Amino acid sequence: MSVNTTNGYGRISISEEAIAQIAGHSALECYGIIDLLSNRFSDSFAGIFKKNQKGKGVRVLCYGDRIFIDLYVIMKYGLSIEAVAEALKKTVKYDVEKFTGMIVDTVNVNIVDTGV
């Protein structure tokens, strides 16, 4: 699937994979986030053979012109979960909205592990 919009220059279509890569890159730049972790075994197995997986640990769903993002992260041990999660949500939402020009409806943060 993809997100579609139209402006004065024509029709724009952005794939969910491209949005996932932007969200993943943005998430990895946030303080307190160590890594993204895929929530599916098949993705983890495929990740052994791929070196550059920017969209791993990110699930993007698009309904109409709305974007829903799920992040699966490994967070640094000893930090406030609430503070890091809120900063992560705001950063990812801002970056994806800036990139796509669409509205990000929800960013869900799932903390899979804390790196010790």
N, C-alpha and C. Protein backbone atom coordinates (compact mmCIF):
# COMPACT_ATOMS: atom_id res chain seq x y z
N MET A 1 0.84 -1.19 0.00
CA MET A 1 0.00 0.00 0.00
C MET A 1 0.87 1.24 0.00
N SER A 2 0.24 2.32 -0.26
CA SER A 2 0.95 3.59 -0.25
C SER A 2 -0.02 4.70 0.13
N VAL A 3 0.56 5.83 0.48
CA VAL A 3 -0.20 7.02 0.82
C VAL A 3 -0.21 7.90 -0.42
N ASN A 4 -1.37 8.39 -0.78
CA ASN A 4 -1.50 9.22 -1.98
C ASN A 4 -2.01 10.60 -1.63
N THR A 5 -1.49 11.60 -2.32
CA THR A 5 -1.97 12.96 -2.17
C THR A 5 -1.84 13.68 -3.51
N THR A 6 -2.53 14.76 -3.63
CA THR A 6 -2.47 15.55 -4.85
C THR A 6 -2.23 17.00 -4.48
N ASN A 7 -1.33 17.64 -5.19
CA ASN A 7 -1.10 19.07 -4.99
C ASN A 7 -1.02 19.75 -6.35
N GLY A 8 -0.56 20.97 -6.39
CA GLY A 8 -0.50 21.73 -7.63
C GLY A 8 0.43 21.15 -8.67
N TYR A 9 1.37 20.32 -8.23
CA TYR A 9 2.34 19.74 -9.16
C TYR A 9 1.90 18.39 -9.71
N GLY A 10 0.87 17.79 -9.08
CA GLY A 10 0.39 16.49 -9.55
C GLY A 10 0.12 15.55 -8.40
N ARG A 11 0.07 14.26 -8.71
CA ARG A 11 -0.22 13.21 -7.73
C ARG A 11 1.07 12.67 -7.14
N ILE A 12 1.08 12.51 -5.82
CA ILE A 12 2.25 11.99 -5.12
C ILE A 12 1.86 10.71 -4.41
N SER A 13 2.67 9.67 -4.57
CA SER A 13 2.44 8.39 -3.94
C SER A 13 3.69 7.99 -3.17
N ILE A 14 3.54 7.70 -1.87
CA ILE A 14 4.68 7.33 -1.02
C ILE A 14 4.40 5.95 -0.45
N SER A 15 5.32 5.02 -0.63
CA SER A 15 5.11 3.64 -0.17
C SER A 15 5.28 3.54 1.34
N GLU A 16 4.67 2.51 1.91
CA GLU A 16 4.79 2.27 3.35
C GLU A 16 6.24 1.95 3.73
N GLU A 17 6.98 1.32 2.82
CA GLU A 17 8.38 1.00 3.09
C GLU A 17 9.22 2.28 3.23
N ALA A 18 8.94 3.27 2.39
CA ALA A 18 9.67 4.54 2.48
C ALA A 18 9.35 5.25 3.79
N ILE A 19 8.09 5.21 4.18
CA ILE A 19 7.70 5.83 5.46
C ILE A 19 8.35 5.09 6.61
N ALA A 20 8.42 3.76 6.53
CA ALA A 20 9.06 2.97 7.59
C ALA A 20 10.54 3.29 7.70
N GLN A 21 11.20 3.52 6.58
CA GLN A 21 12.62 3.87 6.62
C GLN A 21 12.84 5.23 7.28
N ILE A 22 11.99 6.19 6.96
CA ILE A 22 12.11 7.52 7.58
C ILE A 22 11.85 7.42 9.09
N ALA A 23 10.81 6.68 9.48
CA ALA A 23 10.48 6.53 10.89
C ALA A 23 11.60 5.80 11.63
N GLY A 24 12.17 4.77 11.02
CA GLY A 24 13.26 4.03 11.65
C GLY A 24 14.51 4.88 11.82
N HIS A 25 14.85 5.65 10.81
CA HIS A 25 16.01 6.54 10.89
C HIS A 25 15.80 7.59 11.98
N SER A 26 14.61 8.15 12.02
CA SER A 26 14.28 9.16 13.02
C SER A 26 14.33 8.57 14.44
N ALA A 27 13.82 7.35 14.59
CA ALA A 27 13.81 6.71 15.91
C ALA A 27 15.22 6.43 16.41
N LEU A 28 16.10 6.01 15.52
CA LEU A 28 17.48 5.70 15.93
C LEU A 28 18.27 6.94 16.33
N GLU A 29 17.82 8.11 15.91
CA GLU A 29 18.49 9.35 16.30
C GLU A 29 18.03 9.87 17.65
N CYS A 30 16.97 9.30 18.21
CA CYS A 30 16.45 9.75 19.50
C CYS A 30 17.33 9.27 20.65
N TYR A 31 17.50 10.15 21.64
CA TYR A 31 18.27 9.79 22.82
C TYR A 31 17.57 8.68 23.58
N GLY A 32 18.33 7.67 23.96
CA GLY A 32 17.81 6.57 24.76
C GLY A 32 17.42 5.35 23.95
N ILE A 33 17.39 5.46 22.64
CA ILE A 33 17.03 4.33 21.79
C ILE A 33 18.32 3.68 21.30
N ILE A 34 18.49 2.41 21.62
CA ILE A 34 19.68 1.68 21.21
C ILE A 34 19.51 1.10 19.81
N ASP A 35 18.38 0.42 19.59
CA ASP A 35 18.16 -0.23 18.31
C ASP A 35 16.68 -0.49 18.10
N LEU A 36 16.32 -0.82 16.89
CA LEU A 36 14.97 -1.26 16.56
C LEU A 36 15.00 -2.77 16.40
N LEU A 37 13.94 -3.42 16.82
CA LEU A 37 13.91 -4.87 16.78
C LEU A 37 12.63 -5.32 16.10
N SER A 38 12.77 -6.17 15.13
CA SER A 38 11.61 -6.66 14.41
C SER A 38 10.75 -7.52 15.31
N ASN A 39 9.44 -7.43 15.14
CA ASN A 39 8.53 -8.19 15.98
C ASN A 39 8.13 -9.52 15.35
N ARG A 40 8.62 -9.81 14.13
CA ARG A 40 8.29 -11.06 13.48
C ARG A 40 9.55 -11.90 13.33
N PHE A 41 9.42 -13.21 13.51
CA PHE A 41 10.57 -14.10 13.39
C PHE A 41 11.13 -14.10 11.97
N SER A 42 10.26 -14.07 10.98
CA SER A 42 10.72 -14.11 9.59
C SER A 42 11.59 -12.89 9.27
N ASP A 43 11.24 -11.73 9.85
CA ASP A 43 12.06 -10.54 9.64
C ASP A 43 13.40 -10.67 10.34
N SER A 44 13.41 -11.26 11.54
CA SER A 44 14.65 -11.44 12.28
C SER A 44 15.58 -12.40 11.54
N PHE A 45 15.02 -13.45 10.97
CA PHE A 45 15.81 -14.43 10.24
C PHE A 45 16.38 -13.81 8.97
N ALA A 46 15.57 -13.01 8.27
CA ALA A 46 16.04 -12.34 7.06
C ALA A 46 17.09 -11.29 7.40
N GLY A 47 17.00 -10.70 8.58
CA GLY A 47 17.94 -9.67 9.00
C GLY A 47 19.35 -10.17 9.19
N ILE A 48 19.52 -11.48 9.35
CA ILE A 48 20.85 -12.06 9.48
C ILE A 48 21.65 -11.84 8.20
N PHE A 49 20.97 -11.89 7.07
CA PHE A 49 21.64 -11.80 5.78
C PHE A 49 21.68 -10.39 5.20
N LYS A 50 20.90 -9.49 5.74
CA LYS A 50 20.88 -8.12 5.25
C LYS A 50 21.59 -7.21 6.24
N LYS A 51 22.46 -6.36 5.73
CA LYS A 51 23.19 -5.47 6.61
C LYS A 51 22.48 -4.16 6.86
N ASN A 52 21.80 -3.64 5.87
CA ASN A 52 21.20 -2.31 5.98
C ASN A 52 19.68 -2.42 5.97
N GLN A 53 19.09 -2.55 7.15
CA GLN A 53 17.64 -2.63 7.26
C GLN A 53 17.13 -1.44 8.04
N LYS A 54 16.85 -0.35 7.36
CA LYS A 54 16.39 0.86 8.05
C LYS A 54 14.96 0.73 8.53
N GLY A 55 14.15 -0.08 7.87
CA GLY A 55 12.74 -0.19 8.23
C GLY A 55 12.43 -1.29 9.22
N LYS A 56 13.45 -1.97 9.74
CA LYS A 56 13.17 -3.04 10.69
C LYS A 56 12.66 -2.46 11.99
N GLY A 57 11.76 -3.18 12.64
CA GLY A 57 11.22 -2.71 13.89
C GLY A 57 10.17 -1.62 13.74
N VAL A 58 9.74 -1.36 12.51
CA VAL A 58 8.74 -0.34 12.24
C VAL A 58 7.63 -0.98 11.42
N ARG A 59 6.40 -0.80 11.87
CA ARG A 59 5.25 -1.26 11.09
C ARG A 59 4.41 -0.04 10.76
N VAL A 60 4.10 0.14 9.49
CA VAL A 60 3.34 1.29 9.03
C VAL A 60 2.06 0.81 8.38
N LEU A 61 0.95 1.39 8.78
CA LEU A 61 -0.34 1.13 8.16
C LEU A 61 -0.90 2.46 7.67
N CYS A 62 -1.43 2.45 6.46
CA CYS A 62 -2.02 3.65 5.89
C CYS A 62 -3.48 3.39 5.57
N TYR A 63 -4.34 4.26 6.06
CA TYR A 63 -5.76 4.22 5.74
C TYR A 63 -6.15 5.59 5.21
N GLY A 64 -6.40 5.66 3.92
CA GLY A 64 -6.72 6.95 3.32
C GLY A 64 -5.50 7.85 3.37
N ASP A 65 -5.65 9.01 3.99
CA ASP A 65 -4.50 9.91 4.13
C ASP A 65 -3.96 9.92 5.55
N ARG A 66 -4.31 8.92 6.34
CA ARG A 66 -3.82 8.81 7.72
C ARG A 66 -2.73 7.74 7.81
N ILE A 67 -1.75 7.98 8.66
CA ILE A 67 -0.63 7.06 8.83
C ILE A 67 -0.60 6.60 10.29
N PHE A 68 -0.48 5.29 10.49
CA PHE A 68 -0.36 4.69 11.82
C PHE A 68 0.98 3.98 11.89
N ILE A 69 1.77 4.27 12.92
CA ILE A 69 3.12 3.72 13.03
C ILE A 69 3.27 2.97 14.34
N ASP A 70 3.83 1.76 14.28
CA ASP A 70 4.20 0.98 15.46
C ASP A 70 5.71 0.83 15.45
N LEU A 71 6.35 1.17 16.57
CA LEU A 71 7.80 1.05 16.72
C LEU A 71 8.11 -0.02 17.76
N TYR A 72 9.08 -0.87 17.49
CA TYR A 72 9.54 -1.90 18.42
C TYR A 72 11.00 -1.59 18.70
N VAL A 73 11.28 -1.10 19.92
CA VAL A 73 12.60 -0.54 20.22
C VAL A 73 13.27 -1.25 21.39
N ILE A 74 14.60 -1.12 21.40
CA ILE A 74 15.41 -1.48 22.56
C ILE A 74 15.88 -0.17 23.15
N MET A 75 15.54 0.05 24.42
CA MET A 75 15.82 1.32 25.08
C MET A 75 17.01 1.17 26.03
N LYS A 76 17.74 2.25 26.21
CA LYS A 76 18.88 2.26 27.11
C LYS A 76 18.41 2.07 28.55
N TYR A 77 19.10 1.24 29.30
CA TYR A 77 18.74 0.93 30.67
C TYR A 77 18.96 2.15 31.57
N GLY A 78 18.04 2.36 32.51
CA GLY A 78 18.19 3.40 33.51
C GLY A 78 17.53 4.73 33.18
N LEU A 79 16.93 4.84 32.02
CA LEU A 79 16.27 6.08 31.64
C LEU A 79 14.77 5.99 31.92
N SER A 80 14.13 7.12 31.99
CA SER A 80 12.69 7.17 32.19
C SER A 80 11.99 6.69 30.92
N ILE A 81 11.22 5.62 31.06
CA ILE A 81 10.52 5.05 29.92
C ILE A 81 9.54 6.06 29.35
N GLU A 82 8.82 6.73 30.22
CA GLU A 82 7.81 7.69 29.76
C GLU A 82 8.44 8.84 29.00
N ALA A 83 9.55 9.38 29.50
CA ALA A 83 10.18 10.53 28.85
C ALA A 83 10.75 10.14 27.49
N VAL A 84 11.42 9.00 27.42
CA VAL A 84 12.00 8.56 26.15
C VAL A 84 10.90 8.25 25.14
N ALA A 85 9.83 7.58 25.58
CA ALA A 85 8.74 7.21 24.68
C ALA A 85 8.03 8.45 24.13
N GLU A 86 7.79 9.45 24.97
CA GLU A 86 7.14 10.68 24.51
C GLU A 86 8.02 11.44 23.51
N ALA A 87 9.32 11.52 23.81
CA ALA A 87 10.23 12.20 22.89
C ALA A 87 10.30 11.45 21.56
N LEU A 88 10.30 10.13 21.62
CA LEU A 88 10.33 9.30 20.42
C LEU A 88 9.08 9.51 19.57
N LYS A 89 7.92 9.52 20.21
CA LYS A 89 6.66 9.74 19.50
C LYS A 89 6.65 11.09 18.78
N LYS A 90 7.05 12.14 19.51
CA LYS A 90 7.03 13.48 18.93
C LYS A 90 8.02 13.61 17.77
N THR A 91 9.20 13.04 17.92
CA THR A 91 10.22 13.14 16.89
C THR A 91 9.80 12.40 15.62
N VAL A 92 9.33 11.16 15.79
CA VAL A 92 8.93 10.35 14.63
C VAL A 92 7.73 10.99 13.94
N LYS A 93 6.76 11.45 14.71
CA LYS A 93 5.57 12.09 14.13
C LYS A 93 5.97 13.32 13.32
N TYR A 94 6.82 14.17 13.89
CA TYR A 94 7.25 15.39 13.20
C TYR A 94 7.99 15.06 11.90
N ASP A 95 8.96 14.14 11.97
CA ASP A 95 9.77 13.82 10.79
C ASP A 95 8.95 13.19 9.67
N VAL A 96 8.04 12.28 10.02
CA VAL A 96 7.22 11.63 8.99
C VAL A 96 6.23 12.63 8.38
N GLU A 97 5.63 13.47 9.21
CA GLU A 97 4.72 14.47 8.67
C GLU A 97 5.45 15.46 7.77
N LYS A 98 6.65 15.84 8.15
CA LYS A 98 7.44 16.76 7.35
C LYS A 98 7.82 16.10 6.01
N PHE A 99 8.16 14.82 6.03
CA PHE A 99 8.57 14.10 4.83
C PHE A 99 7.40 13.86 3.88
N THR A 100 6.27 13.44 4.43
CA THR A 100 5.15 13.03 3.58
C THR A 100 4.15 14.13 3.31
N GLY A 101 4.03 15.09 4.20
CA GLY A 101 2.99 16.10 4.07
C GLY A 101 1.63 15.57 4.49
N MET A 102 1.59 14.38 5.07
CA MET A 102 0.36 13.74 5.53
C MET A 102 0.29 13.83 7.05
N ILE A 103 -0.86 13.44 7.59
CA ILE A 103 -1.06 13.47 9.03
C ILE A 103 -0.74 12.09 9.61
N VAL A 104 0.14 12.08 10.61
CA VAL A 104 0.41 10.85 11.34
C VAL A 104 -0.59 10.79 12.48
N ASP A 105 -1.47 9.82 12.41
CA ASP A 105 -2.54 9.70 13.39
C ASP A 105 -2.03 9.18 14.72
N THR A 106 -1.26 8.09 14.69
CA THR A 106 -0.80 7.45 15.91
C THR A 106 0.63 6.93 15.76
N VAL A 107 1.42 7.10 16.82
CA VAL A 107 2.74 6.46 16.91
C VAL A 107 2.72 5.65 18.20
N ASN A 108 2.76 4.34 18.08
CA ASN A 108 2.79 3.44 19.23
C ASN A 108 4.22 2.98 19.47
N VAL A 109 4.69 3.09 20.70
CA VAL A 109 6.03 2.66 21.06
C VAL A 109 5.93 1.38 21.89
N ASN A 110 6.56 0.33 21.39
CA ASN A 110 6.62 -0.96 22.10
C ASN A 110 8.07 -1.20 22.51
N ILE A 111 8.32 -1.20 23.81
CA ILE A 111 9.68 -1.42 24.31
C ILE A 111 9.86 -2.91 24.49
N VAL A 112 10.74 -3.47 23.66
CA VAL A 112 10.96 -4.92 23.63
C VAL A 112 11.99 -5.32 24.66
N ASP A 113 13.01 -4.46 24.87
CA ASP A 113 14.09 -4.82 25.79
C ASP A 113 14.77 -3.54 26.24
N THR A 114 15.53 -3.67 27.33
CA THR A 114 16.39 -2.57 27.77
C THR A 114 17.82 -3.08 27.70
N GLY A 115 18.64 -2.37 26.97
CA GLY A 115 20.04 -2.77 26.83
C GLY A 115 20.79 -2.49 28.11
N VAL A 116 21.41 -3.49 28.64
CA VAL A 116 22.14 -3.33 29.89
C VAL A 116 23.61 -3.25 29.59
